[in-house]
Protein backbone atom coordinates (compact mmCIF):
# COMPACT_ATOMS: atom_id res chain seq x y z
CA MET A 1 -1.72 4.71 -0.18
CA LYS A 2 -1.08 8.21 2.26
CA GLU A 3 -3.39 9.89 -0.92
CA LEU A 4 -6.49 6.98 -1.11
CA ILE A 5 -7.01 6.67 2.73
CA PRO A 6 -9.33 9.78 3.01
CA PHE A 7 -10.55 9.34 -0.64
CA PHE A 8 -11.73 5.79 0.94
CA GLN A 9 -13.05 7.84 3.79
CA LEU A 10 -14.57 10.32 1.56
CA ILE A 11 -16.50 7.21 -0.27
CA GLU A 12 -17.84 5.81 2.81
CA GLU A 13 -19.17 9.24 3.75
CA LEU A 14 -20.98 9.48 0.84
CA THR A 15 -22.55 5.86 1.18
CA LYS A 16 -23.55 6.09 4.26
CA ALA A 17 -25.60 9.82 3.44
CA LEU A 18 -26.71 7.67 0.01
CA GLY A 19 -27.99 4.68 1.81
CA VAL A 20 -25.78 2.37 -0.29
CA LYS A 21 -24.40 -0.86 1.17
CA GLN A 22 -21.04 -0.90 0.43
CA SER A 23 -19.61 -5.08 1.18
CA GLU A 24 -16.67 -5.76 2.69
CA GLU A 25 -15.03 -6.67 -0.86
CA GLU A 26 -15.22 -3.90 -2.20
CA LYS A 27 -13.55 -2.01 1.30
CA LEU A 28 -10.66 -4.23 0.93
CA SER A 29 -7.41 -2.20 -0.46
CA CYS A 30 -3.91 -4.50 -1.37
CA VAL A 31 -0.27 -3.05 -1.50
CA PHE A 32 2.45 -5.13 -2.62
CA GLU A 33 5.85 -4.57 -0.72
CA ASP A 34 9.10 -5.62 -2.32
CA ASN A 35 11.18 -4.02 1.04
CA GLN A 36 11.22 -6.33 3.93
CA ARG A 37 11.99 -3.46 6.18
CA ALA A 38 8.64 -1.70 5.22
CA LEU A 39 6.68 -4.95 5.77
CA THR A 40 7.61 -5.66 9.02
CA LEU A 41 6.87 -2.13 9.77
CA ALA A 42 3.74 -2.14 8.99
CA ASN A 43 2.50 -5.78 9.82
CA THR A 44 3.61 -5.09 13.46
CA GLU A 45 2.17 -3.72 16.63
CA MET A 46 2.49 -0.23 17.36
CA PRO A 47 5.02 1.52 18.62
CA MET A 48 7.67 -0.05 16.80
CA THR A 49 10.13 1.89 16.85
CA MET A 50 14.21 1.14 15.78
CA PRO A 51 16.67 3.44 15.35
CA ARG A 52 16.50 4.34 12.04
CA THR A 53 12.31 4.53 12.08
CA LYS A 54 12.11 7.21 14.91
CA HIS A 55 11.78 10.01 13.11
CA TYR A 56 9.01 8.90 10.41
CA LEU A 57 7.09 7.18 13.39
CA ILE A 58 3.87 10.01 13.36
CA LYS A 59 3.31 9.13 9.71
CA LEU A 60 4.05 5.67 10.17
CA HIS A 61 1.96 5.51 13.22
CA TRP A 62 -1.19 6.95 11.09
CA PHE A 63 -0.71 4.56 8.29
CA CYS A 64 -0.42 0.77 10.68
CA GLU A 65 -3.98 2.63 11.90
CA HIS A 66 -5.41 1.36 8.29
CA CYS A 67 -3.26 -1.89 8.30
CA VAL A 68 -6.30 -3.95 9.99
CA PRO A 69 -7.96 -6.69 8.17
CA GLY A 70 -10.81 -5.77 6.32
CA GLU A 71 -8.74 -1.66 5.36
CA ILE A 72 -5.36 -2.50 4.16
CA GLU A 73 -3.76 -5.66 3.42
CA VAL A 74 0.27 -5.53 2.61
CA LYS A 75 1.30 -8.77 0.47
CA VAL A 76 4.61 -9.46 -0.33
CA ILE A 77 5.60 -9.90 -3.57
CA ASP A 78 9.15 -10.02 -5.69
CA THR A 79 11.11 -7.39 -6.78
CA LYS A 80 11.16 -9.48 -10.47
CA VAL A 81 7.54 -8.29 -11.04
CA GLN A 82 6.77 -4.95 -8.73
CA LEU A 83 5.50 -2.80 -11.49
CA ALA A 84 5.70 -0.31 -9.37
CA ASP A 85 10.08 -0.11 -9.70
CA ILE A 86 9.19 1.08 -13.25
CA PHE A 87 8.43 4.87 -11.60
CA THR A 88 11.00 4.72 -8.53
CA LYS A 89 13.69 3.08 -9.31
CA GLY A 90 16.58 3.75 -12.36
CA LEU A 91 16.18 0.39 -14.53
CA ASP A 92 18.43 -1.13 -16.96
CA PRO A 93 16.94 -1.39 -20.56
CA GLN A 94 16.09 -5.19 -20.53
CA ASP A 95 14.38 -4.16 -16.89
CA PHE A 96 12.49 -1.26 -18.15
CA GLU A 97 11.18 -2.82 -21.59
CA THR A 98 9.62 -6.18 -18.97
CA LYS A 99 8.16 -3.96 -16.32
CA ARG A 100 7.06 -1.81 -19.09
CA ARG A 101 5.05 -4.90 -21.48
CA LEU A 102 3.95 -5.87 -17.76
CA ILE A 103 1.48 -2.97 -17.27
CA ILE A 104 0.13 -2.46 -20.59
CA GLY A 105 -0.83 -6.26 -20.54
CA TRP A 106 1.48 -7.15 -23.19
């Protein structure tokens, strides 16, 4: 989302400049998260700091400004169906194959 938010802002500026009407559904982005601490931080009012979160409060604050209804929605997903795990975690061969098939669409 760190890279997509500026892209969304660019699209918004282009649609205004070209006079194109953009619906609210086209603006909404969903982030699926299986980490409970990340869900808590994304869905609470700022500034909510905890002993382990103070070091990245600036980055978190910037992201949470965009987590408003109609812009970015953070949703819960079960870790068994979190497809992003294939790129971020070392999985056993069976889990890797299952997630790979889900990404391909088989």
